[in-house]
């Protein structure tokens, strides 16, 4: 995987983070779980118990942080869930930075990493999360009609979305 970083808007930078940056990822992830507990399959309580080794392991796949003027403002990542497929995970933007297209910047890096590995992309979005669903739809993700509980025993439901393959060029 490349160390792809993008900075097409002044002061906004998306980049892959590595295991040695586990503290940055942990800080953002715990903020995300506290801010939006019904957006994730995991919980704040569960991840507060993670060790340094757990956090480093999580950064073995693609993990992206977006900074705005040097301040960590958004995150997301992906990992291969089965042959040929990457699951987009941990998508979150700090409320102070929402509406600036930061999720698109995260997705640009995640999608490039997945496609570079020949993987297709899927994600789960919490039903009723209209802002997140709209962002994913604008990016090109489509609902599959499949759904499942957010977590075992949860009344919160997530919908599965897939990013279609880009059209192939006829030579």
N, C-alpha and C. Protein backbone atom coordinates (compact mmCIF):
# COMPACT_ATOMS: atom_id res chain seq x y z
N UNK A 1 0.85 -1.17 0.00
CA UNK A 1 0.00 0.00 0.00
C UNK A 1 0.89 1.23 0.00
N UNK A 2 0.52 2.23 -0.76
CA UNK A 2 1.33 3.43 -0.83
C UNK A 2 1.03 4.35 0.34
N UNK A 3 1.86 5.33 0.53
CA UNK A 3 1.64 6.33 1.57
C UNK A 3 0.92 7.53 0.97
N UNK A 4 -0.08 7.24 0.16
CA UNK A 4 -0.82 8.27 -0.54
C UNK A 4 -1.32 9.34 0.42
N UNK A 5 -1.07 10.58 0.07
CA UNK A 5 -1.59 11.72 0.82
C UNK A 5 -2.15 12.69 -0.20
N UNK A 6 -3.23 13.33 0.16
CA UNK A 6 -3.84 14.31 -0.74
C UNK A 6 -3.98 15.63 -0.02
N UNK A 7 -3.83 16.72 -0.78
CA UNK A 7 -4.01 18.06 -0.22
C UNK A 7 -4.47 18.96 -1.35
N UNK A 8 -5.73 18.74 -1.83
CA UNK A 8 -6.20 19.58 -2.92
C UNK A 8 -6.91 20.83 -2.41
N UNK A 9 -7.24 20.90 -1.14
CA UNK A 9 -7.82 22.09 -0.55
C UNK A 9 -6.80 22.66 0.42
N UNK A 10 -6.58 23.95 0.40
CA UNK A 10 -5.58 24.52 1.31
C UNK A 10 -5.82 24.12 2.77
N UNK A 11 -4.79 23.59 3.38
CA UNK A 11 -4.86 23.24 4.79
C UNK A 11 -5.50 21.89 5.09
N UNK A 12 -6.06 21.20 4.08
CA UNK A 12 -6.71 19.91 4.30
C UNK A 12 -5.83 18.82 3.71
N UNK A 13 -5.48 17.83 4.55
CA UNK A 13 -4.59 16.76 4.10
C UNK A 13 -5.11 15.42 4.58
N UNK A 14 -5.24 14.48 3.64
CA UNK A 14 -5.63 13.10 3.96
C UNK A 14 -4.42 12.22 3.77
N UNK A 15 -4.15 11.34 4.75
CA UNK A 15 -3.00 10.47 4.62
C UNK A 15 -3.21 9.17 5.38
N UNK A 16 -2.51 8.16 4.92
CA UNK A 16 -2.51 6.86 5.59
C UNK A 16 -1.67 6.99 6.86
N UNK A 17 -2.19 6.43 7.95
CA UNK A 17 -1.42 6.39 9.20
C UNK A 17 -0.93 4.96 9.42
N UNK A 18 0.16 4.84 10.14
CA UNK A 18 0.86 3.57 10.32
C UNK A 18 0.86 3.16 11.79
N UNK A 19 1.23 1.92 12.08
CA UNK A 19 1.19 1.43 13.46
C UNK A 19 1.92 2.31 14.49
N UNK A 20 2.99 2.97 14.08
CA UNK A 20 3.69 3.84 15.03
C UNK A 20 2.87 5.07 15.40
N UNK A 21 1.79 5.32 14.69
CA UNK A 21 0.91 6.46 14.98
C UNK A 21 -0.37 6.00 15.68
N UNK A 22 -0.27 4.90 16.40
CA UNK A 22 -1.43 4.31 17.05
C UNK A 22 -2.11 5.26 18.04
N UNK A 23 -1.35 6.13 18.68
CA UNK A 23 -1.95 7.04 19.66
C UNK A 23 -2.87 8.06 18.98
N UNK A 24 -2.48 8.53 17.80
CA UNK A 24 -3.33 9.44 17.03
C UNK A 24 -4.63 8.73 16.64
N UNK A 25 -4.52 7.51 16.12
CA UNK A 25 -5.70 6.75 15.72
C UNK A 25 -6.60 6.49 16.93
N UNK A 26 -5.99 6.08 18.07
CA UNK A 26 -6.77 5.80 19.28
C UNK A 26 -7.54 7.04 19.72
N UNK A 27 -6.87 8.18 19.73
CA UNK A 27 -7.53 9.41 20.18
C UNK A 27 -8.73 9.74 19.31
N UNK A 28 -8.57 9.68 18.00
CA UNK A 28 -9.69 9.96 17.09
C UNK A 28 -10.79 8.91 17.22
N UNK A 29 -10.40 7.65 17.29
CA UNK A 29 -11.38 6.57 17.37
C UNK A 29 -12.21 6.69 18.64
N UNK A 30 -11.59 6.95 19.77
CA UNK A 30 -12.35 7.08 21.01
C UNK A 30 -13.27 8.30 20.96
N UNK A 31 -12.81 9.39 20.36
CA UNK A 31 -13.69 10.56 20.17
C UNK A 31 -14.88 10.19 19.31
N UNK A 32 -14.64 9.42 18.25
CA UNK A 32 -15.74 9.05 17.34
C UNK A 32 -16.77 8.18 18.05
N UNK A 33 -16.30 7.23 18.84
CA UNK A 33 -17.22 6.34 19.55
C UNK A 33 -18.02 7.09 20.62
N UNK A 34 -17.42 8.09 21.26
CA UNK A 34 -18.14 8.89 22.24
C UNK A 34 -19.17 9.79 21.56
N UNK A 35 -18.80 10.34 20.40
CA UNK A 35 -19.68 11.26 19.68
C UNK A 35 -20.85 10.54 19.00
N UNK A 36 -20.60 9.39 18.40
CA UNK A 36 -21.59 8.72 17.56
C UNK A 36 -21.68 7.23 17.89
N UNK A 37 -22.15 6.88 19.08
CA UNK A 37 -22.13 5.47 19.50
C UNK A 37 -22.96 4.54 18.62
N UNK A 38 -23.99 5.06 17.96
CA UNK A 38 -24.83 4.21 17.11
C UNK A 38 -24.37 4.16 15.67
N UNK A 39 -23.17 4.64 15.40
CA UNK A 39 -22.64 4.60 14.03
C UNK A 39 -21.65 3.46 13.83
N UNK A 40 -21.29 2.77 14.91
CA UNK A 40 -20.21 1.80 14.83
C UNK A 40 -20.60 0.46 15.45
N UNK A 41 -20.03 -0.60 14.91
CA UNK A 41 -20.27 -1.93 15.44
C UNK A 41 -19.59 -2.18 16.76
N UNK A 42 -18.58 -1.38 17.10
CA UNK A 42 -17.88 -1.49 18.36
C UNK A 42 -18.41 -0.44 19.34
N UNK A 43 -17.89 -0.47 20.56
CA UNK A 43 -18.34 0.48 21.57
C UNK A 43 -17.14 1.19 22.20
N UNK A 44 -17.41 2.35 22.78
CA UNK A 44 -16.38 3.10 23.49
C UNK A 44 -15.79 2.25 24.63
N UNK A 45 -16.65 1.63 25.40
CA UNK A 45 -16.18 0.82 26.52
C UNK A 45 -15.24 -0.29 26.05
N UNK A 46 -15.59 -0.97 24.98
CA UNK A 46 -14.76 -2.05 24.45
C UNK A 46 -13.38 -1.53 24.03
N UNK A 47 -13.37 -0.44 23.27
CA UNK A 47 -12.11 0.04 22.71
C UNK A 47 -11.25 0.79 23.72
N UNK A 48 -11.86 1.31 24.78
CA UNK A 48 -11.05 1.91 25.84
C UNK A 48 -10.17 0.85 26.50
N UNK A 49 -10.56 -0.41 26.40
CA UNK A 49 -9.79 -1.49 26.99
C UNK A 49 -8.69 -2.03 26.08
N UNK A 50 -8.58 -1.52 24.86
CA UNK A 50 -7.55 -2.00 23.93
C UNK A 50 -6.16 -1.64 24.44
N UNK A 51 -5.23 -2.53 24.18
CA UNK A 51 -3.83 -2.29 24.52
C UNK A 51 -3.13 -1.62 23.33
N UNK A 52 -1.90 -1.19 23.55
CA UNK A 52 -1.11 -0.64 22.46
C UNK A 52 -1.01 -1.65 21.32
N UNK A 53 -0.81 -2.90 21.64
CA UNK A 53 -0.71 -3.94 20.61
C UNK A 53 -2.00 -4.04 19.80
N UNK A 54 -3.16 -3.91 20.47
CA UNK A 54 -4.44 -3.94 19.75
C UNK A 54 -4.52 -2.79 18.76
N UNK A 55 -4.15 -1.59 19.21
CA UNK A 55 -4.22 -0.41 18.33
C UNK A 55 -3.26 -0.56 17.16
N UNK A 56 -2.07 -1.03 17.42
CA UNK A 56 -1.10 -1.22 16.34
C UNK A 56 -1.62 -2.24 15.32
N UNK A 57 -2.23 -3.31 15.81
CA UNK A 57 -2.79 -4.33 14.91
C UNK A 57 -3.86 -3.73 14.01
N UNK A 58 -4.67 -2.85 14.54
CA UNK A 58 -5.73 -2.22 13.76
C UNK A 58 -5.18 -1.37 12.62
N UNK A 59 -3.96 -0.93 12.75
CA UNK A 59 -3.35 -0.08 11.72
C UNK A 59 -2.54 -0.89 10.71
N UNK A 60 -2.72 -2.20 10.70
CA UNK A 60 -2.05 -3.04 9.72
C UNK A 60 -2.75 -2.97 8.36
N UNK A 61 -4.03 -2.59 8.36
CA UNK A 61 -4.78 -2.41 7.12
C UNK A 61 -4.73 -0.92 6.77
N UNK A 62 -5.56 -0.49 5.85
CA UNK A 62 -5.55 0.93 5.49
C UNK A 62 -6.31 1.74 6.55
N UNK A 63 -5.66 2.77 7.07
CA UNK A 63 -6.23 3.67 8.06
C UNK A 63 -5.87 5.08 7.63
N UNK A 64 -6.87 5.94 7.55
CA UNK A 64 -6.69 7.28 7.00
C UNK A 64 -7.11 8.33 8.02
N UNK A 65 -6.32 9.38 8.14
CA UNK A 65 -6.66 10.54 8.97
C UNK A 65 -6.61 11.76 8.07
N UNK A 66 -7.61 12.62 8.23
CA UNK A 66 -7.62 13.91 7.54
C UNK A 66 -7.38 14.98 8.58
N UNK A 67 -6.43 15.88 8.27
CA UNK A 67 -6.18 17.03 9.15
C UNK A 67 -6.62 18.30 8.44
N UNK A 68 -7.08 19.24 9.23
CA UNK A 68 -7.43 20.57 8.74
C UNK A 68 -6.52 21.54 9.48
N UNK A 69 -5.65 22.18 8.75
CA UNK A 69 -4.65 23.07 9.35
C UNK A 69 -3.90 22.38 10.48
N UNK A 70 -3.58 21.10 10.24
CA UNK A 70 -2.81 20.33 11.20
C UNK A 70 -3.60 19.67 12.31
N UNK A 71 -4.91 19.94 12.40
CA UNK A 71 -5.75 19.37 13.45
C UNK A 71 -6.46 18.12 12.92
N UNK A 72 -6.31 16.97 13.61
CA UNK A 72 -7.01 15.77 13.17
C UNK A 72 -8.52 15.99 13.20
N UNK A 73 -9.19 15.82 12.05
CA UNK A 73 -10.60 16.17 11.94
C UNK A 73 -11.49 15.04 11.42
N UNK A 74 -10.92 14.04 10.76
CA UNK A 74 -11.73 12.95 10.21
C UNK A 74 -10.88 11.70 10.10
N UNK A 75 -11.56 10.57 10.02
CA UNK A 75 -10.87 9.29 9.95
C UNK A 75 -11.71 8.28 9.20
N UNK A 76 -11.08 7.19 8.85
CA UNK A 76 -11.77 6.05 8.25
C UNK A 76 -10.72 5.05 7.81
N UNK A 77 -11.18 3.89 7.44
CA UNK A 77 -10.24 2.88 7.01
C UNK A 77 -10.94 1.74 6.32
N UNK A 78 -10.20 0.66 6.16
CA UNK A 78 -10.76 -0.52 5.54
C UNK A 78 -9.86 -1.71 5.74
N UNK A 79 -10.46 -2.89 5.69
CA UNK A 79 -9.68 -4.12 5.73
C UNK A 79 -10.39 -5.18 4.91
N UNK A 80 -9.62 -6.13 4.43
CA UNK A 80 -10.19 -7.19 3.61
C UNK A 80 -11.00 -8.11 4.50
N UNK A 81 -12.30 -8.25 4.17
CA UNK A 81 -13.19 -9.08 4.98
C UNK A 81 -13.36 -10.48 4.40
N UNK A 82 -13.20 -10.59 3.10
CA UNK A 82 -13.25 -11.89 2.44
C UNK A 82 -12.60 -11.72 1.08
N UNK A 83 -12.39 -12.80 0.40
CA UNK A 83 -11.72 -12.77 -0.89
C UNK A 83 -12.35 -11.73 -1.82
N UNK A 84 -11.55 -10.76 -2.24
CA UNK A 84 -12.00 -9.78 -3.21
C UNK A 84 -12.73 -8.56 -2.66
N UNK A 85 -12.90 -8.48 -1.34
CA UNK A 85 -13.71 -7.40 -0.76
C UNK A 85 -13.01 -6.71 0.41
N UNK A 86 -13.12 -5.37 0.42
CA UNK A 86 -12.66 -4.56 1.54
C UNK A 86 -13.88 -3.92 2.19
N UNK A 87 -13.94 -3.99 3.52
CA UNK A 87 -15.00 -3.35 4.28
C UNK A 87 -14.50 -1.98 4.74
N UNK A 88 -15.24 -0.94 4.41
CA UNK A 88 -14.94 0.41 4.88
C UNK A 88 -15.41 0.51 6.33
N UNK A 89 -14.51 0.99 7.19
CA UNK A 89 -14.82 1.04 8.63
C UNK A 89 -14.43 2.39 9.23
N UNK A 90 -14.93 2.62 10.44
CA UNK A 90 -14.48 3.72 11.31
C UNK A 90 -14.60 5.10 10.67
N UNK A 91 -15.53 5.28 9.74
CA UNK A 91 -15.72 6.58 9.10
C UNK A 91 -16.33 7.56 10.11
N UNK A 92 -15.65 8.69 10.29
CA UNK A 92 -16.15 9.69 11.23
C UNK A 92 -15.49 11.03 10.94
N UNK A 93 -16.28 12.09 11.08
CA UNK A 93 -15.76 13.46 10.99
C UNK A 93 -16.16 14.20 12.26
N UNK A 94 -15.20 14.89 12.86
CA UNK A 94 -15.47 15.71 14.03
C UNK A 94 -16.60 16.68 13.69
N UNK A 95 -17.60 16.83 14.59
CA UNK A 95 -18.73 17.71 14.29
C UNK A 95 -18.33 19.13 13.87
N UNK A 96 -17.23 19.64 14.40
CA UNK A 96 -16.79 21.00 14.06
C UNK A 96 -16.33 21.11 12.61
N UNK A 97 -16.08 19.97 11.95
CA UNK A 97 -15.55 19.97 10.58
C UNK A 97 -16.49 19.34 9.56
N UNK A 98 -17.69 19.00 9.98
CA UNK A 98 -18.64 18.36 9.06
C UNK A 98 -19.09 19.34 7.98
N UNK A 99 -19.45 18.78 6.83
CA UNK A 99 -19.93 19.60 5.72
C UNK A 99 -18.82 20.16 4.85
N UNK A 100 -17.59 19.71 5.06
CA UNK A 100 -16.44 20.21 4.28
C UNK A 100 -15.90 19.18 3.29
N UNK A 101 -16.60 18.06 3.15
CA UNK A 101 -16.16 17.04 2.21
C UNK A 101 -15.01 16.18 2.71
N UNK A 102 -14.81 16.12 4.02
CA UNK A 102 -13.69 15.34 4.54
C UNK A 102 -13.90 13.84 4.38
N UNK A 103 -15.15 13.39 4.43
CA UNK A 103 -15.40 11.96 4.23
C UNK A 103 -14.99 11.54 2.82
N UNK A 104 -15.19 12.40 1.86
CA UNK A 104 -14.77 12.12 0.48
C UNK A 104 -13.25 11.95 0.43
N UNK A 105 -12.53 12.79 1.15
CA UNK A 105 -11.07 12.70 1.16
C UNK A 105 -10.61 11.37 1.76
N UNK A 106 -11.27 10.95 2.85
CA UNK A 106 -10.95 9.65 3.45
C UNK A 106 -11.25 8.55 2.44
N UNK A 107 -12.43 8.59 1.84
CA UNK A 107 -12.82 7.55 0.89
C UNK A 107 -11.90 7.51 -0.32
N UNK A 108 -11.44 8.66 -0.78
CA UNK A 108 -10.52 8.66 -1.92
C UNK A 108 -9.30 7.79 -1.65
N UNK A 109 -8.75 7.90 -0.44
CA UNK A 109 -7.55 7.14 -0.10
C UNK A 109 -7.89 5.66 0.11
N UNK A 110 -8.99 5.38 0.81
CA UNK A 110 -9.40 4.00 1.05
C UNK A 110 -9.71 3.30 -0.27
N UNK A 111 -10.46 3.95 -1.13
CA UNK A 111 -10.83 3.36 -2.42
C UNK A 111 -9.59 3.11 -3.27
N UNK A 112 -8.67 4.06 -3.30
CA UNK A 112 -7.43 3.87 -4.07
C UNK A 112 -6.65 2.67 -3.54
N UNK A 113 -6.58 2.52 -2.22
CA UNK A 113 -5.87 1.38 -1.63
C UNK A 113 -6.56 0.07 -2.00
N UNK A 114 -7.88 0.05 -1.91
CA UNK A 114 -8.63 -1.18 -2.24
C UNK A 114 -8.46 -1.54 -3.71
N UNK A 115 -8.63 -0.57 -4.56
CA UNK A 115 -8.52 -0.85 -6.00
C UNK A 115 -7.10 -1.24 -6.37
N UNK A 116 -6.12 -0.68 -5.67
CA UNK A 116 -4.73 -1.06 -5.91
C UNK A 116 -4.46 -2.51 -5.55
N UNK A 117 -5.30 -3.07 -4.66
CA UNK A 117 -5.18 -4.47 -4.27
C UNK A 117 -6.19 -5.34 -5.03
N UNK A 118 -6.93 -4.74 -5.96
CA UNK A 118 -7.93 -5.48 -6.72
C UNK A 118 -9.17 -5.84 -5.92
N UNK A 119 -9.49 -5.04 -4.90
CA UNK A 119 -10.63 -5.32 -4.03
C UNK A 119 -11.81 -4.42 -4.34
N UNK A 120 -13.01 -4.96 -4.18
CA UNK A 120 -14.24 -4.18 -4.25
C UNK A 120 -14.55 -3.68 -2.85
N UNK A 121 -15.44 -2.69 -2.73
CA UNK A 121 -15.71 -2.08 -1.43
C UNK A 121 -17.17 -2.21 -1.01
N UNK A 122 -17.34 -2.46 0.29
CA UNK A 122 -18.64 -2.50 0.92
C UNK A 122 -18.56 -1.72 2.22
N UNK A 123 -19.71 -1.30 2.72
CA UNK A 123 -19.77 -0.65 4.03
C UNK A 123 -21.16 -0.84 4.59
N UNK A 124 -21.27 -0.61 5.89
CA UNK A 124 -22.56 -0.61 6.57
C UNK A 124 -22.82 0.80 7.06
N UNK A 125 -24.04 1.27 6.84
CA UNK A 125 -24.42 2.59 7.32
C UNK A 125 -25.67 2.43 8.20
N UNK A 126 -25.65 3.11 9.34
CA UNK A 126 -26.78 3.03 10.26
C UNK A 126 -28.02 3.61 9.60
N UNK A 127 -29.09 2.83 9.65
CA UNK A 127 -30.37 3.28 9.09
C UNK A 127 -30.80 4.54 9.85
N UNK A 128 -31.19 5.56 9.12
CA UNK A 128 -31.58 6.82 9.73
C UNK A 128 -30.46 7.84 9.79
N UNK A 129 -29.25 7.42 9.47
CA UNK A 129 -28.11 8.35 9.44
C UNK A 129 -28.06 8.98 8.05
N UNK A 130 -28.91 9.97 7.84
CA UNK A 130 -29.10 10.53 6.50
C UNK A 130 -27.85 11.24 5.99
N UNK A 131 -27.13 11.91 6.84
CA UNK A 131 -25.91 12.62 6.38
C UNK A 131 -24.87 11.63 5.89
N UNK A 132 -24.65 10.55 6.65
CA UNK A 132 -23.67 9.55 6.24
C UNK A 132 -24.12 8.86 4.96
N UNK A 133 -25.38 8.45 4.92
CA UNK A 133 -25.89 7.77 3.73
C UNK A 133 -25.77 8.68 2.51
N UNK A 134 -26.10 9.95 2.65
CA UNK A 134 -25.98 10.89 1.52
C UNK A 134 -24.54 11.02 1.05
N UNK A 135 -23.61 11.09 2.00
CA UNK A 135 -22.20 11.20 1.62
C UNK A 135 -21.76 9.96 0.84
N UNK A 136 -22.18 8.79 1.30
CA UNK A 136 -21.80 7.55 0.60
C UNK A 136 -22.45 7.48 -0.78
N UNK A 137 -23.71 7.88 -0.87
CA UNK A 137 -24.40 7.87 -2.17
C UNK A 137 -23.75 8.85 -3.14
N UNK A 138 -23.38 10.04 -2.65
CA UNK A 138 -22.69 11.01 -3.52
C UNK A 138 -21.38 10.44 -4.03
N UNK A 139 -20.75 9.63 -3.22
CA UNK A 139 -19.48 9.01 -3.62
C UNK A 139 -19.69 7.91 -4.67
N UNK A 140 -20.90 7.36 -4.69
CA UNK A 140 -21.21 6.31 -5.66
C UNK A 140 -21.63 4.98 -5.05
N UNK A 141 -21.63 4.87 -3.72
CA UNK A 141 -22.08 3.64 -3.08
C UNK A 141 -23.58 3.48 -3.32
N UNK A 142 -24.00 2.23 -3.46
CA UNK A 142 -25.40 1.91 -3.69
C UNK A 142 -25.88 0.92 -2.65
N UNK A 143 -27.13 1.10 -2.20
CA UNK A 143 -27.72 0.17 -1.24
C UNK A 143 -27.94 -1.19 -1.90
N UNK A 144 -27.70 -2.25 -1.15
CA UNK A 144 -27.88 -3.60 -1.67
C UNK A 144 -29.24 -4.18 -1.31
N UNK A 145 -29.92 -3.56 -0.35
CA UNK A 145 -31.17 -4.11 0.16
C UNK A 145 -30.96 -5.04 1.34
N UNK A 146 -29.70 -5.33 1.66
CA UNK A 146 -29.38 -6.18 2.81
C UNK A 146 -29.21 -5.32 4.05
N UNK A 147 -29.63 -5.86 5.19
CA UNK A 147 -29.47 -5.14 6.46
C UNK A 147 -29.17 -6.14 7.57
N UNK A 148 -28.67 -5.60 8.67
CA UNK A 148 -28.36 -6.43 9.84
C UNK A 148 -28.30 -5.53 11.06
N UNK A 149 -28.40 -6.11 12.27
CA UNK A 149 -28.27 -5.30 13.48
C UNK A 149 -26.87 -4.68 13.56
N UNK A 150 -26.78 -3.50 14.15
CA UNK A 150 -25.50 -2.83 14.34
C UNK A 150 -24.53 -3.71 15.12
N UNK A 151 -25.02 -4.28 16.19
CA UNK A 151 -24.26 -5.22 17.03
C UNK A 151 -25.21 -6.33 17.44
N UNK A 152 -24.70 -7.47 17.84
CA UNK A 152 -25.60 -8.53 18.32
C UNK A 152 -26.51 -8.00 19.44
N UNK A 153 -27.80 -8.24 19.28
CA UNK A 153 -28.77 -7.81 20.28
C UNK A 153 -29.22 -6.37 20.17
N UNK A 154 -28.68 -5.60 19.22
CA UNK A 154 -29.01 -4.19 19.07
C UNK A 154 -30.30 -4.01 18.27
N UNK A 155 -31.08 -3.00 18.64
CA UNK A 155 -32.27 -2.63 17.87
C UNK A 155 -31.90 -1.72 16.69
N UNK A 156 -30.68 -1.19 16.71
CA UNK A 156 -30.22 -0.31 15.63
C UNK A 156 -29.85 -1.19 14.44
N UNK A 157 -30.30 -0.78 13.24
CA UNK A 157 -30.10 -1.56 12.03
C UNK A 157 -29.16 -0.83 11.09
N UNK A 158 -28.29 -1.59 10.43
CA UNK A 158 -27.42 -1.01 9.40
C UNK A 158 -27.80 -1.59 8.05
N UNK A 159 -27.59 -0.79 7.02
CA UNK A 159 -27.84 -1.21 5.65
C UNK A 159 -26.50 -1.38 4.95
N UNK A 160 -26.38 -2.43 4.16
CA UNK A 160 -25.16 -2.70 3.41
C UNK A 160 -25.18 -1.90 2.11
N UNK A 161 -24.04 -1.26 1.81
CA UNK A 161 -23.88 -0.52 0.56
C UNK A 161 -22.62 -1.02 -0.13
N UNK A 162 -22.62 -0.97 -1.45
CA UNK A 162 -21.48 -1.43 -2.24
C UNK A 162 -21.09 -0.33 -3.23
N UNK A 163 -19.80 -0.24 -3.49
CA UNK A 163 -19.33 0.70 -4.51
C UNK A 163 -19.16 -0.09 -5.81
N UNK A 164 -19.96 0.23 -6.83
CA UNK A 164 -19.83 -0.52 -8.10
C UNK A 164 -18.44 -0.40 -8.68
N UNK A 165 -18.08 -1.39 -9.45
CA UNK A 165 -16.81 -1.37 -10.16
C UNK A 165 -16.82 -0.22 -11.15
N UNK A 166 -15.68 0.45 -11.32
CA UNK A 166 -15.64 1.50 -12.34
C UNK A 166 -15.81 0.87 -13.72
N UNK A 167 -16.39 1.60 -14.66
CA UNK A 167 -16.56 1.02 -15.99
C UNK A 167 -15.19 0.69 -16.61
N UNK A 168 -15.15 -0.39 -17.32
CA UNK A 168 -13.90 -0.77 -17.98
C UNK A 168 -13.82 -0.03 -19.32
N UNK A 169 -12.63 0.35 -19.66
CA UNK A 169 -12.40 1.07 -20.92
C UNK A 169 -12.27 0.08 -22.07
N UNK A 170 -13.01 0.34 -23.11
CA UNK A 170 -12.86 -0.49 -24.30
C UNK A 170 -11.67 0.08 -25.09
N UNK A 171 -10.78 -0.79 -25.48
CA UNK A 171 -9.60 -0.31 -26.22
C UNK A 171 -9.89 -0.08 -27.68
